[in-house]
Protein backbone atom coordinates (compact mmCIF):
# COMPACT_ATOMS: atom_id res chain seq x y z
CA UNK A 1 -18.71 29.59 -1.66
CA UNK A 2 -19.84 26.68 0.45
CA UNK A 3 -22.60 24.12 -0.26
CA UNK A 4 -25.81 22.64 1.02
CA UNK A 5 -26.51 18.99 1.84
CA UNK A 6 -27.90 18.29 -1.66
CA UNK A 7 -24.79 19.19 -3.65
CA UNK A 8 -21.07 18.54 -3.53
CA UNK A 9 -18.92 21.57 -2.69
CA UNK A 10 -16.40 22.98 -5.11
CA UNK A 11 -12.93 22.07 -3.90
CA UNK A 12 -10.14 24.41 -4.98
CA UNK A 13 -7.02 22.70 -6.32
CA UNK A 14 -3.72 23.01 -4.48
CA UNK A 15 -2.44 25.36 -7.17
CA UNK A 16 -5.56 27.54 -6.78
CA UNK A 17 -5.16 27.61 -3.00
CA UNK A 18 -1.48 28.56 -3.16
CA UNK A 19 -2.32 31.21 -5.74
CA UNK A 20 -4.98 32.69 -3.44
CA UNK A 21 -2.44 32.75 -0.61
CA UNK A 22 0.10 34.60 -2.76
CA UNK A 23 -2.51 37.17 -3.72
CA UNK A 24 -3.40 37.58 -0.05
CA UNK A 25 0.25 38.07 0.90
CA UNK A 26 0.61 40.90 -1.60
CA UNK A 27 -2.57 42.54 -0.32
CA UNK A 28 -1.42 42.21 3.27
CA UNK A 29 1.92 43.83 2.44
CA UNK A 30 0.01 46.88 1.20
CA UNK A 31 -2.51 46.98 4.06
CA UNK A 32 -2.41 50.11 6.22
CA UNK A 33 -4.80 49.36 9.10
CA UNK A 34 -6.43 46.51 11.00
CA UNK A 35 -9.80 46.76 9.23
CA UNK A 36 -8.10 46.26 5.88
CA UNK A 37 -6.17 43.27 7.24
CA UNK A 38 -9.37 41.76 8.65
CA UNK A 39 -11.12 42.06 5.29
CA UNK A 40 -8.24 40.35 3.47
CA UNK A 41 -8.10 37.60 6.11
CA UNK A 42 -11.82 36.81 5.91
CA UNK A 43 -11.96 36.88 2.11
CA UNK A 44 -8.89 34.67 1.80
CA UNK A 45 -10.01 32.15 4.42
CA UNK A 46 -13.34 31.81 2.63
CA UNK A 47 -11.67 31.42 -0.78
CA UNK A 48 -8.84 28.99 -0.06
CA UNK A 49 -10.82 26.70 2.26
CA UNK A 50 -14.20 26.97 0.56
CA UNK A 51 -15.65 27.53 4.03
CA UNK A 52 -18.53 30.02 3.78
CA UNK A 53 -18.56 31.28 7.37
CA UNK A 54 -15.36 33.20 8.08
CA UNK A 55 -14.95 35.79 10.85
CA UNK A 56 -12.28 38.12 12.19
CA UNK A 57 -12.85 38.46 15.94
CA UNK A 58 -11.37 41.44 17.72
CA UNK A 59 -10.23 40.75 21.29
CA UNK A 60 -10.91 42.98 24.29
CA UNK A 61 -10.37 42.20 27.97
CA UNK A 62 -13.89 40.83 28.29
CA UNK A 63 -14.96 39.45 24.92
CA UNK A 64 -14.34 38.52 21.31
CA UNK A 65 -16.32 40.72 18.94
CA UNK A 66 -16.92 39.92 15.26
CA UNK A 67 -15.67 42.98 13.35
CA UNK A 68 -15.52 41.46 9.85
CA UNK A 69 -17.64 38.58 8.54
CA UNK A 70 -17.93 36.79 5.21
CA UNK A 71 -20.81 37.56 2.87
CA UNK A 72 -22.52 34.13 3.22
CA UNK A 73 -22.58 34.60 6.98
CA UNK A 74 -23.99 38.11 6.82
CA UNK A 75 -27.56 36.96 6.10
CA UNK A 76 -27.53 34.94 9.33
CA UNK A 77 -26.36 37.90 11.42
CA UNK A 78 -27.76 41.14 10.04
CA UNK A 79 -31.49 40.47 10.36
CA UNK A 80 -33.83 43.36 9.45
CA UNK A 81 -35.35 43.22 12.92
CA UNK A 82 -31.96 43.67 14.57
CA UNK A 83 -29.71 45.64 12.17
CA UNK A 84 -27.15 46.47 14.83
CA UNK A 85 -26.55 42.90 15.95
CA UNK A 86 -22.90 41.92 16.43
CA UNK A 87 -21.68 38.39 17.12
CA UNK A 88 -19.85 38.11 20.43
CA UNK A 89 -18.23 35.49 22.61
CA UNK A 90 -17.66 36.42 26.24
CA UNK A 91 -14.55 35.80 28.28
CA UNK A 92 -14.49 32.14 29.32
CA UNK A 93 -16.60 30.85 26.41
CA UNK A 94 -15.47 27.91 24.27
CA UNK A 95 -14.20 30.28 21.55
CA UNK A 96 -12.36 32.35 24.12
CA UNK A 97 -10.51 29.20 25.17
CA UNK A 98 -9.56 28.60 21.52
CA UNK A 99 -8.23 32.16 21.43
CA UNK A 100 -6.16 31.63 24.57
CA UNK A 101 -4.75 28.33 23.31
CA UNK A 102 -2.40 30.14 20.89
CA UNK A 103 -2.65 27.22 18.44
CA UNK A 104 -4.51 26.73 15.18
CA UNK A 105 -7.11 24.02 15.82
CA UNK A 106 -9.87 22.07 14.08
CA UNK A 107 -13.22 22.11 15.86
CA UNK A 108 -16.72 20.64 15.58
CA UNK A 109 -19.37 23.19 16.45
CA UNK A 110 -22.80 22.43 17.89
CA UNK A 111 -25.76 24.77 17.44
CA UNK A 112 -25.43 25.77 21.09
CA UNK A 113 -21.88 26.99 20.52
CA UNK A 114 -22.63 29.16 17.49
CA UNK A 115 -23.02 32.92 17.87
CA UNK A 116 -25.52 33.06 14.99
CA UNK A 117 -28.18 30.87 13.41
CA UNK A 118 -25.84 29.85 10.56
CA UNK A 119 -25.82 26.08 9.89
CA UNK A 120 -22.31 25.79 11.27
CA UNK A 121 -20.87 22.32 11.99
CA UNK A 122 -17.08 22.37 11.60
CA UNK A 123 -14.39 24.98 11.56
CA UNK A 124 -10.82 26.12 12.14
CA UNK A 125 -9.72 28.65 14.75
CA UNK A 126 -6.52 30.68 14.28
CA UNK A 127 -5.42 32.80 17.29
CA UNK A 128 -3.83 36.16 16.38
CA UNK A 129 -2.09 37.04 19.67
CA UNK A 130 -3.58 40.10 21.39
CA UNK A 131 -5.32 41.21 18.20
CA UNK A 132 -7.99 38.51 18.25
CA UNK A 133 -8.97 35.39 16.35
CA UNK A 134 -9.65 34.29 12.78
CA UNK A 135 -12.24 31.55 12.32
CA UNK A 136 -13.39 29.71 9.21
CA UNK A 137 -16.54 27.62 9.47
CA UNK A 138 -18.34 25.16 7.21
CA UNK A 139 -21.79 23.62 7.05
CA UNK A 140 -20.28 20.22 6.23
CA UNK A 141 -20.80 17.61 8.93
CA UNK A 142 -17.13 16.66 9.03
CA UNK A 143 -14.03 17.80 10.82
CA UNK A 144 -11.78 19.98 8.60
CA UNK A 145 -8.79 18.22 7.07
CA UNK A 146 -5.18 18.53 8.11
CA UNK A 147 -4.33 20.34 4.86
CA UNK A 148 -7.12 22.87 5.41
CA UNK A 149 -5.77 23.47 8.90
CA UNK A 150 -2.26 24.02 7.53
CA UNK A 151 -3.51 26.53 4.97
CA UNK A 152 -5.43 28.42 7.65
CA UNK A 153 -2.34 28.41 9.87
CA UNK A 154 -0.15 29.86 7.08
CA UNK A 155 -2.72 32.57 6.46
CA UNK A 156 -2.95 33.32 10.18
CA UNK A 157 0.82 33.70 10.56
CA UNK A 158 0.91 36.21 7.72
CA UNK A 159 -2.08 38.10 9.10
CA UNK A 160 -0.43 38.30 12.53
CA UNK A 161 2.85 39.45 11.00
CA UNK A 162 1.00 42.21 9.14
CA UNK A 163 -0.85 43.36 12.25
CA UNK A 164 2.45 43.56 14.15
CA UNK A 165 4.05 45.49 11.28
CA UNK A 166 1.19 48.03 11.28
CA UNK A 167 1.48 48.41 15.05
CA UNK A 168 5.24 49.04 14.77
CA UNK A 169 4.70 51.62 12.04
CA UNK A 170 2.02 53.35 14.10
CA UNK A 171 4.34 53.49 17.11
CA UNK A 172 7.23 54.80 15.01
CA UNK A 173 5.00 57.50 13.57
CA UNK A 174 3.90 58.50 17.06
CA UNK A 175 7.53 58.72 18.16
CA UNK A 176 8.48 60.74 15.07
CA UNK A 177 5.60 63.13 15.67
CA UNK A 178 6.66 63.60 19.30
CA UNK A 179 10.27 64.20 18.28
CA UNK A 180 9.13 66.66 15.65
CA UNK A 181 7.14 68.61 18.23
CA UNK A 182 10.03 68.55 20.71
CA UNK A 183 12.43 69.68 17.99
CA UNK A 184 10.19 72.62 17.07
CA UNK A 185 9.74 73.70 20.68
CA UNK A 186 13.43 73.43 21.58
CA UNK A 187 14.64 75.18 18.43
CA UNK A 188 12.13 78.01 18.83
CA UNK A 189 12.78 78.65 22.52
CA UNK A 190 16.56 78.26 22.41
CA UNK A 191 16.83 80.44 19.33
CA UNK A 192 14.95 83.20 21.13
CA UNK A 193 17.18 82.87 24.21
CA UNK A 194 20.35 82.97 22.10
CA UNK A 195 19.15 86.06 20.28
CA UNK A 196 18.51 87.72 23.65
CA UNK A 197 22.01 86.79 24.87
CA UNK A 198 23.63 88.12 21.70
CA UNK A 199 21.62 91.36 21.84
CA UNK A 200 22.46 92.06 25.48
CA UNK A 201 26.13 91.26 24.90
CA UNK A 202 26.13 93.84 22.12
CA UNK A 203 24.69 96.43 24.53
CA UNK A 204 27.41 95.62 27.06
CA UNK A 205 30.12 96.10 24.44
CA UNK A 206 29.71 99.91 24.54
CA UNK A 207 30.26 99.92 28.31
CA UNK A 208 33.26 97.58 28.46
CA UNK A 209 36.99 97.73 27.75
CA UNK A 210 40.07 95.60 28.28
CA UNK A 211 39.48 92.13 29.73
CA UNK A 212 35.75 92.76 30.05
CA UNK A 213 35.51 93.37 26.31
CA UNK A 214 37.20 90.04 25.66
CA UNK A 215 34.55 88.36 27.78
CA UNK A 216 31.81 90.03 25.74
CA UNK A 217 33.47 88.75 22.57
CA UNK A 218 33.55 85.27 24.09
CA UNK A 219 29.84 85.45 24.92
CA UNK A 220 28.98 86.44 21.38
CA UNK A 221 31.19 83.73 19.86
CA UNK A 222 29.65 81.09 22.11
CA UNK A 223 26.15 82.27 21.24
CA UNK A 224 26.96 82.10 17.53
CA UNK A 225 28.39 78.58 17.89
CA UNK A 226 25.34 77.47 19.88
CA UNK A 227 22.99 78.89 17.24
CA UNK A 228 24.85 77.06 14.48
CA UNK A 229 24.84 73.82 16.46
CA UNK A 230 21.12 74.23 17.13
CA UNK A 231 20.41 74.62 13.43
CA UNK A 232 22.58 71.61 12.55
CA UNK A 233 20.94 69.46 15.22
CA UNK A 234 17.49 70.48 14.00
CA UNK A 235 18.38 69.61 10.41
CA UNK A 236 19.86 66.30 11.55
CA UNK A 237 16.64 65.52 13.44
CA UNK A 238 14.70 66.21 10.24
CA UNK A 239 16.98 63.86 8.32
CA UNK A 240 16.71 61.09 10.91
CA UNK A 241 12.90 61.18 10.71
CA UNK A 242 12.97 60.54 6.98
CA UNK A 243 11.69 57.17 5.76
CA UNK A 244 11.15 57.73 2.06
CA UNK A 245 13.51 60.40 0.77
CA UNK A 246 12.14 62.64 -1.95
CA UNK A 247 14.39 64.98 -3.92
CA UNK A 248 13.57 67.66 -6.45
CA UNK A 249 15.43 69.97 -8.84
CA UNK A 250 17.11 72.79 -6.87
CA UNK A 251 18.90 75.74 -8.50
CA UNK A 252 22.51 75.49 -7.31
CA UNK A 253 23.66 79.09 -7.86
CA UNK A 254 21.16 80.87 -5.61
CA UNK A 255 21.78 78.42 -2.78
CA UNK A 256 25.56 78.80 -2.94
CA UNK A 257 25.31 82.58 -3.25
CA UNK A 258 22.99 82.88 -0.26
CA UNK A 259 25.12 80.63 1.95
CA UNK A 260 28.42 82.34 1.09
CA UNK A 261 26.89 85.78 1.71
CA UNK A 262 25.63 84.65 5.14
CA UNK A 263 29.01 83.15 6.05
CA UNK A 264 30.85 86.32 4.95
CA UNK A 265 28.54 88.47 7.07
CA UNK A 266 28.90 86.20 10.10
CA UNK A 267 32.67 85.64 10.00
CA UNK A 268 33.92 89.13 9.20
CA UNK A 269 37.56 88.20 9.95
CA UNK A 270 37.58 85.49 7.25
CA UNK A 271 38.12 85.90 3.55
CA UNK A 272 35.60 84.00 1.41
CA UNK A 273 36.33 83.91 -2.32
CA UNK A 274 33.69 82.90 -4.86
CA UNK A 275 33.55 82.99 -8.66
CA UNK A 276 31.85 85.84 -10.49
CA UNK A 277 28.90 83.52 -11.00
CA UNK A 278 28.07 79.93 -10.23
CA UNK A 279 26.92 77.47 -12.94
CA UNK A 280 23.29 78.03 -13.92
CA UNK A 281 22.21 74.46 -13.27
CA UNK A 282 19.82 72.57 -11.03
CA UNK A 283 20.84 69.61 -8.90
CA UNK A 284 18.75 66.82 -7.45
CA UNK A 285 18.39 67.75 -3.77
CA UNK A 286 15.90 69.28 -1.32
CA UNK A 287 15.47 72.27 1.00
CA UNK A 288 18.40 71.13 3.19
CA UNK A 289 20.99 71.62 0.44
CA UNK A 290 21.97 74.96 1.97
CA UNK A 291 22.81 73.15 5.21
CA UNK A 292 25.36 71.03 3.31
CA UNK A 293 27.32 74.07 2.13
CA UNK A 294 26.87 76.01 5.37
CA UNK A 295 28.35 73.19 7.46
CA UNK A 296 31.32 72.71 5.12
CA UNK A 297 32.09 76.44 5.04
CA UNK A 298 31.61 76.91 8.78
CA UNK A 299 33.87 73.94 9.46
CA UNK A 300 36.58 75.38 7.17
CA UNK A 301 36.57 78.73 9.05
CA UNK A 302 36.05 77.64 12.65
CA UNK A 303 38.92 75.15 12.56
CA UNK A 304 41.32 77.41 10.73
CA UNK A 305 44.53 78.40 12.55
CA UNK A 306 45.68 81.03 10.05
CA UNK A 307 45.80 84.69 11.03
CA UNK A 308 43.26 85.36 8.28
CA UNK A 309 41.14 82.30 7.51
CA UNK A 310 40.75 82.00 3.76
CA UNK A 311 38.12 79.87 2.02
CA UNK A 312 37.73 79.47 -1.73
CA UNK A 313 34.43 78.17 -3.11
CA UNK A 314 34.05 77.04 -6.70
CA UNK A 315 31.65 74.93 -8.76
CA UNK A 316 32.02 73.33 -12.18
CA UNK A 317 29.48 71.76 -14.51
CA UNK A 318 30.75 68.30 -15.43
CA UNK A 319 28.11 66.66 -17.63
CA UNK A 320 25.68 64.71 -15.49
CA UNK A 321 27.06 66.08 -12.23
CA UNK A 322 28.22 69.32 -10.65
CA UNK A 323 31.45 69.43 -8.65
CA UNK A 324 31.68 71.89 -5.77
CA UNK A 325 34.92 72.47 -3.87
CA UNK A 326 35.59 74.32 -0.63
CA UNK A 327 39.33 74.89 -0.09
CA UNK A 328 40.79 76.41 3.08
CA UNK A 329 44.22 77.44 4.38
CA UNK A 330 43.85 75.75 7.76
CA UNK A 331 45.84 72.91 9.36
CA UNK A 332 44.43 70.24 7.03
CA UNK A 333 43.14 66.80 7.89
CA UNK A 334 45.41 63.76 8.41
CA UNK A 335 45.14 61.02 5.78
CA UNK A 336 43.74 58.50 8.28
CA UNK A 337 40.82 60.84 9.02
CA UNK A 338 39.95 61.93 5.51
CA UNK A 339 37.08 59.41 5.27
CA UNK A 340 36.17 58.93 8.91
CA UNK A 341 35.74 62.68 9.49
CA UNK A 342 32.26 62.35 7.93
CA UNK A 343 31.16 59.60 10.30
CA UNK A 344 28.86 60.27 13.22
CA UNK A 345 30.72 61.66 16.22
CA UNK A 346 34.01 62.04 14.32
CA UNK A 347 35.63 65.47 14.06
CA UNK A 348 38.76 67.25 12.96
CA UNK A 349 41.79 66.86 15.26
CA UNK A 350 41.53 70.44 16.55
CA UNK A 351 37.75 70.39 17.01
CA UNK A 352 35.94 70.75 20.33
CA UNK A 353 32.54 70.30 18.68
CA UNK A 354 30.17 67.37 18.44
CA UNK A 355 31.13 66.10 14.99
CA UNK A 356 27.53 66.16 13.75
CA UNK A 357 28.01 68.86 11.11
CA UNK A 358 30.06 66.83 8.66
CA UNK A 359 28.00 63.72 9.45
CA UNK A 360 24.92 65.69 8.36
CA UNK A 361 26.78 66.67 5.18
CA UNK A 362 27.57 63.04 4.36
CA UNK A 363 24.02 61.90 5.15
CA UNK A 364 22.42 64.51 2.91
CA UNK A 365 24.84 64.10 0.01
CA UNK A 366 24.34 60.33 0.09
CA UNK A 367 20.56 60.86 0.05
CA UNK A 368 20.94 63.09 -3.01
CA UNK A 369 22.92 60.37 -4.80
CA UNK A 370 26.19 62.32 -4.67
CA UNK A 371 29.56 61.98 -3.01
CA UNK A 372 31.79 63.97 -0.64
CA UNK A 373 35.49 63.61 0.10
CA UNK A 374 38.55 65.39 1.53
CA UNK A 375 41.97 65.95 -0.01
CA UNK A 376 45.02 68.12 0.77
CA UNK A 377 45.20 71.73 -0.33
CA UNK A 378 48.42 73.37 -1.49
CA UNK A 379 50.49 74.72 0.11
CA UNK A 380 48.44 73.86 3.23
CA UNK A 381 44.90 73.24 4.30
CA UNK A 382 42.11 70.95 3.17
CA UNK A 383 39.80 70.72 0.18
CA UNK A 384 36.30 69.33 0.66
CA UNK A 385 34.84 68.17 -2.64
CA UNK A 386 31.19 67.44 -3.32
CA UNK A 387 29.65 65.79 -6.36
CA UNK A 388 25.94 66.38 -6.85
CA UNK A 389 23.80 64.81 -9.60
CA UNK A 390 22.19 67.30 -11.95
CA UNK A 391 18.43 67.32 -12.34
CA UNK A 392 17.22 65.27 -15.29
CA UNK A 393 16.30 68.30 -17.39
CA UNK A 394 19.72 69.87 -16.82
CA UNK A 395 21.86 66.77 -17.32
């Protein structure tokens, strides 16, 4: 790149320059940190402008420091006698003023202005907000053209956009990590407290009768509801942190069997009916699939007004998908709420809960590529239906 005074420089065609910019845009889209962005910026500025002396300057409160430089410039900076030398411009210098101007500008550079002994005469400065400055310099004794300035400006805007995107992603990751830690701490501590409350209530049961016994029952029911809500909230927090959802083949039968056994043991006054065996298939899901079924079953029992809550669970293999139904003998769900009941904050008419359980169900089933709906049961009650895609090897 570049030229000396005895030869004419190679000038890239407009098509070549636009092509280089497109390549740079793709590389910037994939960049993951500032050093990678700086390397792309310097290489591209050198290529599209045919200016040999390109630099990415990092800004601090007191100076601009060259963190990435073009290869032709390196020989003028990294002298054997001073291998650790770094080009700098202090606060208030001419380059600092270019940085503060917030505009892409053409400049003529004297030897006194240069931060190295490179034969620098003209250049373009591209401010990059608080991140720093991109400069492209030439040894030609002429001011850069308007077109060269426009190309540098386009590159600079894309570089700045990429730096801002990386900063946003870094901040989001920090927030997700903090939420993850908070979620773990809260779930662990509250779970321990709820277990203590339940255990002590059980000890009180043997010493109580009449109204006092009813209060003990109420304590245990509230503790159970709080534990279920805590698990749902924790699973929902996990879902909300997801950016790229990854599913895998999950055996349906063992998950359904485990969940129905847990529900039967927890709600001893309810009748849960399941088939002799569930289909031996795998569905495309993840480790939260059990939470889908647990929330549907819990919802069917908790909001059931029958003397003996009855829930029937069944699953059928239907080609590329598996259909799972959960039918109850409760009050049912009005037609106008059959779709909205899965929205965030929505709940069944008789519910005093938060409405997050069925929202979690909808969110997970959508992520798996399936569907969930509600219809009327006969002679009364509701049927929640779920369609889950089978794993590729099982379809």
